Amino acid sequence: MPSKSVDPAEMRTAVLAVGPWLRGETDETPARPELALAVRTTARTLAQIAPGSSVEVRVPPFVAVQCIEGPRHTRGTPPNVVETDARTWLRLAAGLTDLADEIAAATVSASGSRAPEVGDHLPLVRI
C-alpha cells in the first residue's frame, strides 16, 4: 500500500483534466505532468482499495503498484502482472473500457491466473 493516501478529489481532478483525450475528443496528448499525475493517482488508488501484493499493475514509465490480497511476491518477475500504456490504463480507471475487452484486444498484457482480478476493482472514477 502506498505510504501516503491518495485524496479521491485529487484523483478525480487529475482524471478530469485528461478526460477529453481519453474520450477521443482531442488527439493532443496531455502534458507529461498532467498525464503522470492521473496515472499515478489512479494506480495508487487501486493499491489502496485492493491492498495486497499478489498482482503487479504496471503503467510504464509512470508507475507500478502491487495490489490484490494473496501470496506475496518478493523476487524476480511477479507471477501475476497487468501492464498497459497510460491511455488504456486511464480509460480502464475511468470506466470507458473493460479489462477483459482490452486483454482480448491485446492492449493490456495480463499474465498469471490472478491478473484479471484487477478488473473487479475498476472503474475507480467515472468521467
N, C-alpha and C. Protein backbone atom coordinates (compact mmCIF):
# COMPACT_ATOMS: atom_id res chain seq x y z
N MET A 1 0.85 -1.18 0.00
CA MET A 1 0.00 0.00 0.00
C MET A 1 0.89 1.24 0.00
N PRO A 2 0.49 2.29 -0.73
CA PRO A 2 1.31 3.48 -0.78
C PRO A 2 1.45 4.09 0.60
N SER A 3 2.57 4.77 0.84
CA SER A 3 2.80 5.35 2.15
C SER A 3 1.87 6.54 2.40
N LYS A 4 1.46 7.24 1.38
CA LYS A 4 0.57 8.39 1.51
C LYS A 4 -0.72 8.08 0.77
N SER A 5 -1.82 8.26 1.45
CA SER A 5 -3.12 8.00 0.84
C SER A 5 -3.41 9.01 -0.27
N VAL A 6 -4.07 8.54 -1.30
CA VAL A 6 -4.47 9.41 -2.40
C VAL A 6 -5.82 10.02 -2.05
N ASP A 7 -5.92 11.32 -2.21
CA ASP A 7 -7.17 12.04 -1.99
C ASP A 7 -8.07 11.76 -3.19
N PRO A 8 -9.28 11.21 -2.96
CA PRO A 8 -10.18 10.91 -4.08
C PRO A 8 -10.49 12.14 -4.94
N ALA A 9 -10.59 13.30 -4.33
CA ALA A 9 -10.87 14.52 -5.10
C ALA A 9 -9.69 14.87 -6.01
N GLU A 10 -8.46 14.66 -5.51
CA GLU A 10 -7.27 14.91 -6.31
C GLU A 10 -7.23 13.95 -7.51
N MET A 11 -7.55 12.68 -7.24
CA MET A 11 -7.56 11.70 -8.34
C MET A 11 -8.59 12.10 -9.38
N ARG A 12 -9.80 12.41 -8.95
CA ARG A 12 -10.87 12.78 -9.88
C ARG A 12 -10.48 14.00 -10.71
N THR A 13 -9.92 15.01 -10.06
CA THR A 13 -9.50 16.21 -10.77
C THR A 13 -8.43 15.88 -11.80
N ALA A 14 -7.49 15.02 -11.44
CA ALA A 14 -6.41 14.64 -12.36
C ALA A 14 -6.97 13.90 -13.57
N VAL A 15 -7.93 13.00 -13.36
CA VAL A 15 -8.51 12.26 -14.48
C VAL A 15 -9.38 13.17 -15.34
N LEU A 16 -10.14 14.06 -14.72
CA LEU A 16 -10.96 15.00 -15.49
C LEU A 16 -10.10 15.90 -16.38
N ALA A 17 -8.91 16.23 -15.91
CA ALA A 17 -8.01 17.08 -16.69
C ALA A 17 -7.59 16.44 -18.01
N VAL A 18 -7.54 15.12 -18.05
CA VAL A 18 -7.17 14.41 -19.29
C VAL A 18 -8.38 13.77 -19.95
N GLY A 19 -9.55 14.02 -19.42
CA GLY A 19 -10.79 13.42 -19.91
C GLY A 19 -11.06 13.58 -21.40
N PRO A 20 -10.93 14.79 -21.96
CA PRO A 20 -11.19 14.93 -23.40
C PRO A 20 -10.32 14.02 -24.26
N TRP A 21 -9.07 13.84 -23.87
CA TRP A 21 -8.15 12.94 -24.60
C TRP A 21 -8.59 11.49 -24.44
N LEU A 22 -9.02 11.12 -23.24
CA LEU A 22 -9.47 9.74 -23.01
C LEU A 22 -10.73 9.41 -23.80
N ARG A 23 -11.61 10.39 -23.93
CA ARG A 23 -12.86 10.17 -24.66
C ARG A 23 -12.69 10.34 -26.17
N GLY A 24 -11.50 10.69 -26.62
CA GLY A 24 -11.25 10.85 -28.06
C GLY A 24 -11.75 12.17 -28.61
N GLU A 25 -11.96 13.15 -27.75
CA GLU A 25 -12.44 14.46 -28.18
C GLU A 25 -11.31 15.34 -28.69
N THR A 26 -10.08 14.93 -28.41
CA THR A 26 -8.90 15.62 -28.90
C THR A 26 -7.80 14.58 -29.14
N ASP A 27 -6.97 14.83 -30.13
CA ASP A 27 -5.84 13.94 -30.40
C ASP A 27 -4.58 14.40 -29.69
N GLU A 28 -4.64 15.58 -29.10
CA GLU A 28 -3.46 16.14 -28.44
C GLU A 28 -3.22 15.46 -27.10
N THR A 29 -2.08 14.79 -27.01
CA THR A 29 -1.72 14.11 -25.77
C THR A 29 -1.51 15.15 -24.67
N PRO A 30 -2.04 14.89 -23.48
CA PRO A 30 -1.84 15.84 -22.38
C PRO A 30 -0.36 16.01 -22.05
N ALA A 31 -0.05 17.12 -21.40
CA ALA A 31 1.32 17.37 -20.96
C ALA A 31 1.75 16.23 -20.02
N ARG A 32 3.01 15.91 -20.08
CA ARG A 32 3.53 14.79 -19.29
C ARG A 32 3.20 14.90 -17.79
N PRO A 33 3.34 16.07 -17.16
CA PRO A 33 2.99 16.16 -15.73
C PRO A 33 1.51 15.85 -15.45
N GLU A 34 0.62 16.31 -16.32
CA GLU A 34 -0.81 16.01 -16.16
C GLU A 34 -1.08 14.52 -16.30
N LEU A 35 -0.48 13.95 -17.31
CA LEU A 35 -0.66 12.52 -17.58
C LEU A 35 -0.09 11.68 -16.43
N ALA A 36 1.09 12.04 -15.97
CA ALA A 36 1.73 11.31 -14.87
C ALA A 36 0.88 11.37 -13.61
N LEU A 37 0.33 12.54 -13.30
CA LEU A 37 -0.49 12.67 -12.09
C LEU A 37 -1.74 11.80 -12.18
N ALA A 38 -2.39 11.80 -13.33
CA ALA A 38 -3.60 10.99 -13.49
C ALA A 38 -3.27 9.50 -13.36
N VAL A 39 -2.20 9.06 -14.00
CA VAL A 39 -1.82 7.64 -13.94
C VAL A 39 -1.43 7.25 -12.52
N ARG A 40 -0.60 8.04 -11.90
CA ARG A 40 -0.12 7.68 -10.56
C ARG A 40 -1.24 7.69 -9.51
N THR A 41 -2.09 8.69 -9.55
CA THR A 41 -3.15 8.74 -8.54
C THR A 41 -4.15 7.61 -8.72
N THR A 42 -4.45 7.23 -9.96
CA THR A 42 -5.39 6.13 -10.15
C THR A 42 -4.77 4.80 -9.76
N ALA A 43 -3.53 4.56 -10.14
CA ALA A 43 -2.87 3.30 -9.79
C ALA A 43 -2.72 3.18 -8.27
N ARG A 44 -2.35 4.26 -7.63
CA ARG A 44 -2.19 4.22 -6.18
C ARG A 44 -3.52 4.08 -5.47
N THR A 45 -4.57 4.61 -6.07
CA THR A 45 -5.91 4.40 -5.51
C THR A 45 -6.29 2.93 -5.59
N LEU A 46 -5.98 2.29 -6.72
CA LEU A 46 -6.23 0.85 -6.84
C LEU A 46 -5.51 0.10 -5.72
N ALA A 47 -4.26 0.44 -5.47
CA ALA A 47 -3.50 -0.23 -4.42
C ALA A 47 -4.12 0.01 -3.04
N GLN A 48 -4.76 1.15 -2.85
CA GLN A 48 -5.44 1.44 -1.59
C GLN A 48 -6.72 0.63 -1.42
N ILE A 49 -7.51 0.52 -2.48
CA ILE A 49 -8.81 -0.15 -2.35
C ILE A 49 -8.70 -1.66 -2.48
N ALA A 50 -7.61 -2.14 -3.06
CA ALA A 50 -7.38 -3.58 -3.20
C ALA A 50 -5.99 -3.90 -2.69
N PRO A 51 -5.76 -3.70 -1.39
CA PRO A 51 -4.40 -3.89 -0.86
C PRO A 51 -3.94 -5.34 -0.98
N GLY A 52 -2.68 -5.48 -1.13
CA GLY A 52 -2.07 -6.80 -1.24
C GLY A 52 -0.86 -6.74 -2.12
N SER A 53 -0.32 -7.91 -2.42
CA SER A 53 0.88 -7.92 -3.26
C SER A 53 0.94 -9.14 -4.16
N SER A 54 -0.24 -9.64 -4.56
CA SER A 54 -0.21 -10.82 -5.44
C SER A 54 -0.28 -10.45 -6.92
N VAL A 55 -0.66 -9.20 -7.25
CA VAL A 55 -0.70 -8.76 -8.64
C VAL A 55 0.05 -7.43 -8.74
N GLU A 56 0.88 -7.31 -9.76
CA GLU A 56 1.56 -6.05 -10.01
C GLU A 56 0.93 -5.39 -11.23
N VAL A 57 0.54 -4.13 -11.08
CA VAL A 57 -0.01 -3.35 -12.18
C VAL A 57 1.07 -2.37 -12.60
N ARG A 58 1.42 -2.42 -13.89
CA ARG A 58 2.49 -1.58 -14.43
C ARG A 58 1.94 -0.68 -15.53
N VAL A 59 2.25 0.60 -15.41
CA VAL A 59 1.92 1.58 -16.45
C VAL A 59 3.19 2.37 -16.72
N PRO A 60 4.09 1.78 -17.53
CA PRO A 60 5.37 2.44 -17.78
C PRO A 60 5.17 3.72 -18.61
N PRO A 61 5.96 4.72 -18.39
CA PRO A 61 7.07 4.82 -17.45
C PRO A 61 6.65 5.44 -16.11
N PHE A 62 5.36 5.48 -15.85
CA PHE A 62 4.87 6.27 -14.73
C PHE A 62 4.79 5.57 -13.38
N VAL A 63 4.34 4.32 -13.33
CA VAL A 63 4.08 3.72 -12.03
C VAL A 63 3.98 2.21 -12.14
N ALA A 64 4.27 1.56 -11.04
CA ALA A 64 3.99 0.13 -10.85
C ALA A 64 3.53 0.00 -9.40
N VAL A 65 2.41 -0.68 -9.21
CA VAL A 65 1.89 -0.89 -7.86
C VAL A 65 1.54 -2.36 -7.68
N GLN A 66 1.58 -2.79 -6.45
CA GLN A 66 1.13 -4.14 -6.13
C GLN A 66 -0.22 -4.04 -5.44
N CYS A 67 -1.09 -5.01 -5.74
CA CYS A 67 -2.43 -5.00 -5.19
C CYS A 67 -2.96 -6.42 -5.12
N ILE A 68 -4.15 -6.59 -4.66
CA ILE A 68 -4.89 -7.84 -4.56
C ILE A 68 -4.26 -8.75 -3.49
N GLU A 69 -5.06 -9.08 -2.49
CA GLU A 69 -4.59 -9.97 -1.42
C GLU A 69 -4.24 -11.34 -1.98
N GLY A 70 -3.29 -11.97 -1.34
CA GLY A 70 -2.89 -13.31 -1.74
C GLY A 70 -1.41 -13.50 -1.49
N PRO A 71 -0.83 -14.53 -2.10
CA PRO A 71 0.58 -14.82 -1.88
C PRO A 71 1.45 -13.62 -2.25
N ARG A 72 2.40 -13.33 -1.41
CA ARG A 72 3.30 -12.19 -1.61
C ARG A 72 4.42 -12.56 -2.57
N HIS A 73 4.67 -11.66 -3.49
CA HIS A 73 5.78 -11.82 -4.44
C HIS A 73 6.96 -11.01 -3.92
N THR A 74 8.17 -11.59 -3.91
CA THR A 74 9.31 -10.85 -3.37
C THR A 74 10.51 -10.71 -4.31
N ARG A 75 10.70 -11.64 -5.26
CA ARG A 75 11.91 -11.57 -6.10
C ARG A 75 11.58 -11.93 -7.54
N GLY A 76 12.33 -11.32 -8.46
CA GLY A 76 12.17 -11.64 -9.87
C GLY A 76 10.88 -11.12 -10.45
N THR A 77 10.50 -11.68 -11.57
CA THR A 77 9.27 -11.27 -12.25
C THR A 77 8.07 -11.82 -11.50
N PRO A 78 7.12 -10.96 -11.15
CA PRO A 78 5.93 -11.45 -10.44
C PRO A 78 5.13 -12.42 -11.31
N PRO A 79 4.46 -13.39 -10.70
CA PRO A 79 3.68 -14.35 -11.48
C PRO A 79 2.38 -13.76 -12.04
N ASN A 80 1.89 -12.68 -11.45
CA ASN A 80 0.64 -12.05 -11.88
C ASN A 80 0.91 -10.58 -12.18
N VAL A 81 0.84 -10.22 -13.46
CA VAL A 81 1.17 -8.86 -13.89
C VAL A 81 0.12 -8.36 -14.88
N VAL A 82 -0.27 -7.12 -14.69
CA VAL A 82 -1.11 -6.41 -15.66
C VAL A 82 -0.28 -5.22 -16.11
N GLU A 83 -0.08 -5.09 -17.43
CA GLU A 83 0.72 -3.99 -17.95
C GLU A 83 0.05 -3.39 -19.16
N THR A 84 0.05 -2.06 -19.21
CA THR A 84 -0.56 -1.35 -20.33
C THR A 84 0.01 0.05 -20.43
N ASP A 85 -0.39 0.76 -21.46
CA ASP A 85 0.03 2.14 -21.66
C ASP A 85 -0.86 3.08 -20.84
N ALA A 86 -0.44 4.33 -20.74
CA ALA A 86 -1.15 5.30 -19.90
C ALA A 86 -2.59 5.53 -20.35
N ARG A 87 -2.82 5.68 -21.64
CA ARG A 87 -4.18 5.97 -22.11
C ARG A 87 -5.13 4.81 -21.83
N THR A 88 -4.70 3.60 -22.11
CA THR A 88 -5.55 2.44 -21.86
C THR A 88 -5.82 2.31 -20.36
N TRP A 89 -4.79 2.47 -19.53
CA TRP A 89 -4.99 2.39 -18.09
C TRP A 89 -6.02 3.42 -17.61
N LEU A 90 -5.87 4.64 -18.07
CA LEU A 90 -6.80 5.68 -17.62
C LEU A 90 -8.21 5.44 -18.14
N ARG A 91 -8.34 4.91 -19.33
CA ARG A 91 -9.68 4.55 -19.85
C ARG A 91 -10.29 3.44 -18.99
N LEU A 92 -9.48 2.50 -18.55
CA LEU A 92 -9.96 1.46 -17.63
C LEU A 92 -10.37 2.07 -16.29
N ALA A 93 -9.50 2.92 -15.75
CA ALA A 93 -9.76 3.53 -14.45
C ALA A 93 -11.01 4.40 -14.47
N ALA A 94 -11.31 4.99 -15.63
CA ALA A 94 -12.46 5.89 -15.76
C ALA A 94 -13.73 5.16 -16.22
N GLY A 95 -13.66 3.88 -16.42
CA GLY A 95 -14.84 3.14 -16.84
C GLY A 95 -15.22 3.32 -18.30
N LEU A 96 -14.28 3.77 -19.11
CA LEU A 96 -14.55 3.97 -20.54
C LEU A 96 -14.30 2.71 -21.35
N THR A 97 -13.73 1.71 -20.73
CA THR A 97 -13.49 0.42 -21.38
C THR A 97 -13.41 -0.65 -20.29
N ASP A 98 -13.35 -1.89 -20.72
CA ASP A 98 -13.39 -3.02 -19.81
C ASP A 98 -12.08 -3.81 -19.89
N LEU A 99 -11.59 -4.29 -18.75
CA LEU A 99 -10.33 -5.01 -18.73
C LEU A 99 -10.35 -6.25 -19.63
N ALA A 100 -11.40 -7.02 -19.57
CA ALA A 100 -11.47 -8.23 -20.40
C ALA A 100 -11.40 -7.88 -21.89
N ASP A 101 -12.07 -6.79 -22.29
CA ASP A 101 -12.04 -6.36 -23.69
C ASP A 101 -10.64 -5.92 -24.11
N GLU A 102 -9.96 -5.21 -23.21
CA GLU A 102 -8.61 -4.74 -23.53
C GLU A 102 -7.60 -5.88 -23.56
N ILE A 103 -7.79 -6.87 -22.72
CA ILE A 103 -6.93 -8.07 -22.78
C ILE A 103 -7.15 -8.78 -24.12
N ALA A 104 -8.42 -8.92 -24.50
CA ALA A 104 -8.74 -9.57 -25.77
C ALA A 104 -8.17 -8.80 -26.96
N ALA A 105 -8.13 -7.47 -26.86
CA ALA A 105 -7.61 -6.63 -27.95
C ALA A 105 -6.09 -6.51 -27.91
N ALA A 106 -5.47 -7.12 -26.91
CA ALA A 106 -4.01 -7.11 -26.72
C ALA A 106 -3.46 -5.71 -26.43
N THR A 107 -4.28 -4.81 -25.90
CA THR A 107 -3.79 -3.52 -25.45
C THR A 107 -3.38 -3.58 -23.98
N VAL A 108 -3.77 -4.66 -23.31
CA VAL A 108 -3.35 -4.94 -21.95
C VAL A 108 -2.72 -6.32 -21.94
N SER A 109 -1.53 -6.41 -21.36
CA SER A 109 -0.88 -7.69 -21.16
C SER A 109 -1.23 -8.14 -19.74
N ALA A 110 -1.81 -9.32 -19.63
CA ALA A 110 -2.18 -9.84 -18.31
C ALA A 110 -1.64 -11.26 -18.20
N SER A 111 -0.71 -11.46 -17.29
CA SER A 111 -0.14 -12.78 -17.10
C SER A 111 -0.46 -13.26 -15.69
N GLY A 112 -0.67 -14.55 -15.57
CA GLY A 112 -0.98 -15.14 -14.28
C GLY A 112 -2.48 -15.26 -14.06
N SER A 113 -2.85 -16.22 -13.26
CA SER A 113 -4.27 -16.51 -13.03
C SER A 113 -4.98 -15.43 -12.22
N ARG A 114 -4.25 -14.64 -11.47
CA ARG A 114 -4.87 -13.62 -10.62
C ARG A 114 -4.98 -12.26 -11.31
N ALA A 115 -4.29 -12.05 -12.40
CA ALA A 115 -4.27 -10.74 -13.07
C ALA A 115 -5.67 -10.20 -13.41
N PRO A 116 -6.58 -11.02 -13.93
CA PRO A 116 -7.91 -10.48 -14.26
C PRO A 116 -8.70 -9.94 -13.06
N GLU A 117 -8.28 -10.28 -11.84
CA GLU A 117 -8.97 -9.78 -10.65
C GLU A 117 -8.88 -8.26 -10.52
N VAL A 118 -7.92 -7.66 -11.18
CA VAL A 118 -7.81 -6.20 -11.17
C VAL A 118 -9.12 -5.59 -11.68
N GLY A 119 -9.71 -6.21 -12.68
CA GLY A 119 -10.96 -5.73 -13.26
C GLY A 119 -12.11 -5.68 -12.27
N ASP A 120 -12.05 -6.46 -11.21
CA ASP A 120 -13.09 -6.44 -10.18
C ASP A 120 -13.12 -5.12 -9.42
N HIS A 121 -12.04 -4.35 -9.52
CA HIS A 121 -11.92 -3.11 -8.76
C HIS A 121 -12.00 -1.87 -9.65
N LEU A 122 -12.33 -2.07 -10.90
CA LEU A 122 -12.45 -0.97 -11.86
C LEU A 122 -13.91 -0.78 -12.24
N PRO A 123 -14.35 0.41 -12.55
CA PRO A 123 -13.59 1.66 -12.62
C PRO A 123 -13.34 2.24 -11.24
N LEU A 124 -12.40 3.17 -11.22
CA LEU A 124 -12.05 3.87 -9.98
C LEU A 124 -12.76 5.20 -9.89
N VAL A 125 -13.10 5.76 -11.02
CA VAL A 125 -13.80 7.05 -11.11
C VAL A 125 -14.56 7.06 -12.43
N ARG A 126 -15.71 7.71 -12.45
CA ARG A 126 -16.46 7.85 -13.70
C ARG A 126 -16.33 9.29 -14.20
N ILE A 127 -16.06 9.41 -15.49
CA ILE A 127 -15.96 10.76 -16.05
C ILE A 127 -16.96 10.93 -17.18
